[in-house]
Structures are given as structure tokens and as C-alpha cells.
Amino acid sequence: MRLVYLCFLCWSLFLNIPAFAAETPGFVNLPQVNIIGTVKKIEVSGVCYQLVTANGTKYELLGNFPHQDGVAISAIGTLPTDIATICQVGKPLKVDSSKLVKK
């Protein structure tokens, strides 16, 4: 049974099917935000990336963003409230798109 569940999970991720949307409400129907800040590479349990805004607010970056330390970006995404990350270096920010900005 575990193998069937694992196969279903892998295929749903591969096909980008929201198979577990009911089980992961933190990613469903959240408003999009646009946050500007500087990417910071942090090495804790592996490598994690943090977005630090001008006022010092810290977000842990998840998803689609440039994995370069020190670049300034504008990130558009959502702020899920009911997930935990391994690194715990800021509020989780699931980035849908991002672009480089001048500092």
C-alpha cells in the first residue's frame, strides 16, 4: 500500500496535479504577495535561501527564484501558514515567479 501511495504521489508531482490539495490547505486559495529583498544563502541543514527585506523581515524562499547569494529580487508568491520547513530561517514564501531588481 505504501508503494502505491508513493507512486501516486510521484506521478501527481510529475504531472503537476494538485492531488493532495485538500490535505495541504496552506497552498490553496492564498492571496499573492510581491516582496522585494536580497537573497541570502544560509547553510544549516543543507543549503537554504532567505529573502531579507529593507525593513529586516526574513522569508525562507521556496519554489522558483535565483539561487544566488546577494542578488536583489522581486518575488511574487504566497505565504502559506500551516507548513514547517527544515531550515526555519523565516516565514515560508512559496515563490511563483521572480525577477532581478537593481539595489
Protein backbone atom coordinates (compact mmCIF):
# COMPACT_ATOMS: atom_id res chain seq x y z
CA MET A 1 0.00 0.00 0.00
CA ARG A 2 2.85 2.38 0.80
CA LEU A 3 4.37 1.72 -2.62
CA VAL A 4 1.09 2.56 -4.34
CA TYR A 5 0.79 5.79 -2.35
CA LEU A 6 4.40 6.71 -3.15
CA CYS A 7 3.91 6.03 -6.87
CA PHE A 8 0.72 8.10 -6.91
CA LEU A 9 2.47 10.96 -5.14
CA CYS A 10 5.42 10.88 -7.56
CA TRP A 11 3.17 10.86 -10.62
CA SER A 12 0.97 13.63 -9.29
CA LEU A 13 4.04 15.80 -8.67
CA PHE A 14 5.46 14.94 -12.09
CA LEU A 15 2.20 15.81 -13.84
CA ASN A 16 1.63 18.84 -11.60
CA ILE A 17 -1.74 17.55 -10.43
CA PRO A 18 -2.95 19.02 -7.13
CA ALA A 19 -3.73 15.52 -5.84
CA PHE A 20 -3.36 16.46 -2.19
CA ALA A 21 -4.81 19.97 -2.27
CA ALA A 22 -7.37 19.05 0.38
CA GLU A 23 -4.55 17.86 2.64
CA THR A 24 -2.38 20.94 2.12
CA PRO A 25 -4.62 23.97 2.69
CA GLY A 26 -1.58 26.19 3.24
CA PHE A 27 -1.07 26.35 -0.54
CA VAL A 28 -4.71 26.70 -1.59
CA ASN A 29 -6.52 29.99 -2.26
CA LEU A 30 -3.89 32.26 -0.75
CA PRO A 31 -3.53 35.84 -1.99
CA GLN A 32 -0.38 36.61 -3.93
CA VAL A 33 2.18 39.00 -2.50
CA ASN A 34 5.03 40.89 -4.12
CA ILE A 35 8.08 41.14 -1.84
CA ILE A 36 11.34 42.87 -2.70
CA GLY A 37 14.54 41.98 -0.90
CA THR A 38 18.02 40.47 -1.06
CA VAL A 39 18.64 36.72 -1.37
CA LYS A 40 20.87 35.31 1.34
CA LYS A 41 22.36 31.80 1.17
CA ILE A 42 22.29 30.04 4.53
CA GLU A 43 23.96 26.73 5.22
CA VAL A 44 22.18 24.95 8.05
CA SER A 45 20.63 21.53 7.32
CA GLY A 46 21.96 21.65 3.78
CA VAL A 47 21.54 24.89 1.85
CA CYS A 48 18.58 27.20 2.31
CA TYR A 49 17.81 30.60 0.87
CA GLN A 50 16.36 33.55 2.71
CA LEU A 51 14.89 36.78 1.39
CA VAL A 52 15.69 39.77 3.60
CA THR A 53 13.62 42.92 3.02
CA ALA A 54 14.74 46.53 3.60
CA ASN A 55 12.96 46.60 6.97
CA GLY A 56 14.64 43.36 8.10
CA THR A 57 11.75 40.92 7.62
CA LYS A 58 13.04 37.45 6.72
CA TYR A 59 11.38 34.87 4.48
CA GLU A 60 12.51 31.35 3.64
CA LEU A 61 12.39 31.02 -0.13
CA LEU A 62 10.66 28.01 -1.66
CA GLY A 63 10.00 27.46 -5.34
CA ASN A 64 11.19 29.44 -8.36
CA PHE A 65 13.86 32.03 -7.54
CA PRO A 66 17.53 32.72 -8.42
CA HIS A 67 19.79 30.66 -6.17
CA GLN A 68 22.46 33.37 -5.97
CA ASP A 69 23.66 34.92 -2.74
CA GLY A 70 23.42 38.72 -2.61
CA VAL A 71 21.11 39.42 -5.55
CA ALA A 72 18.11 41.71 -5.15
CA ILE A 73 14.84 40.27 -6.42
CA SER A 74 11.15 40.99 -6.62
CA ALA A 75 9.36 37.77 -5.66
CA ILE A 76 5.70 37.09 -6.40
CA GLY A 77 4.19 34.23 -4.45
CA THR A 78 2.15 33.14 -1.46
CA LEU A 79 2.74 32.94 2.28
CA PRO A 80 1.46 29.53 3.43
CA THR A 81 0.65 29.49 7.13
CA ASP A 82 0.44 25.83 8.01
CA ILE A 83 3.72 24.36 6.81
CA ALA A 84 7.03 23.79 8.53
CA THR A 85 10.37 23.89 6.74
CA ILE A 86 13.60 22.14 7.58
CA CYS A 87 15.72 25.29 7.85
CA GLN A 88 13.30 27.51 9.81
CA VAL A 89 15.07 30.73 8.72
CA GLY A 90 11.99 32.89 8.18
CA LYS A 91 8.36 32.88 7.13
CA PRO A 92 7.91 30.44 4.24
CA LEU A 93 7.45 32.23 0.90
CA LYS A 94 6.41 29.98 -1.99
CA VAL A 95 7.74 31.90 -4.98
CA ASP A 96 5.78 31.54 -8.22
CA SER A 97 7.91 33.99 -10.18
CA SER A 98 10.77 36.36 -9.54
CA LYS A 99 12.89 38.92 -11.33
CA LEU A 100 16.14 40.67 -10.58
CA VAL A 101 15.93 44.29 -9.46
CA LYS A 102 18.56 46.99 -9.02
CA LYS A 103 19.63 47.68 -5.46
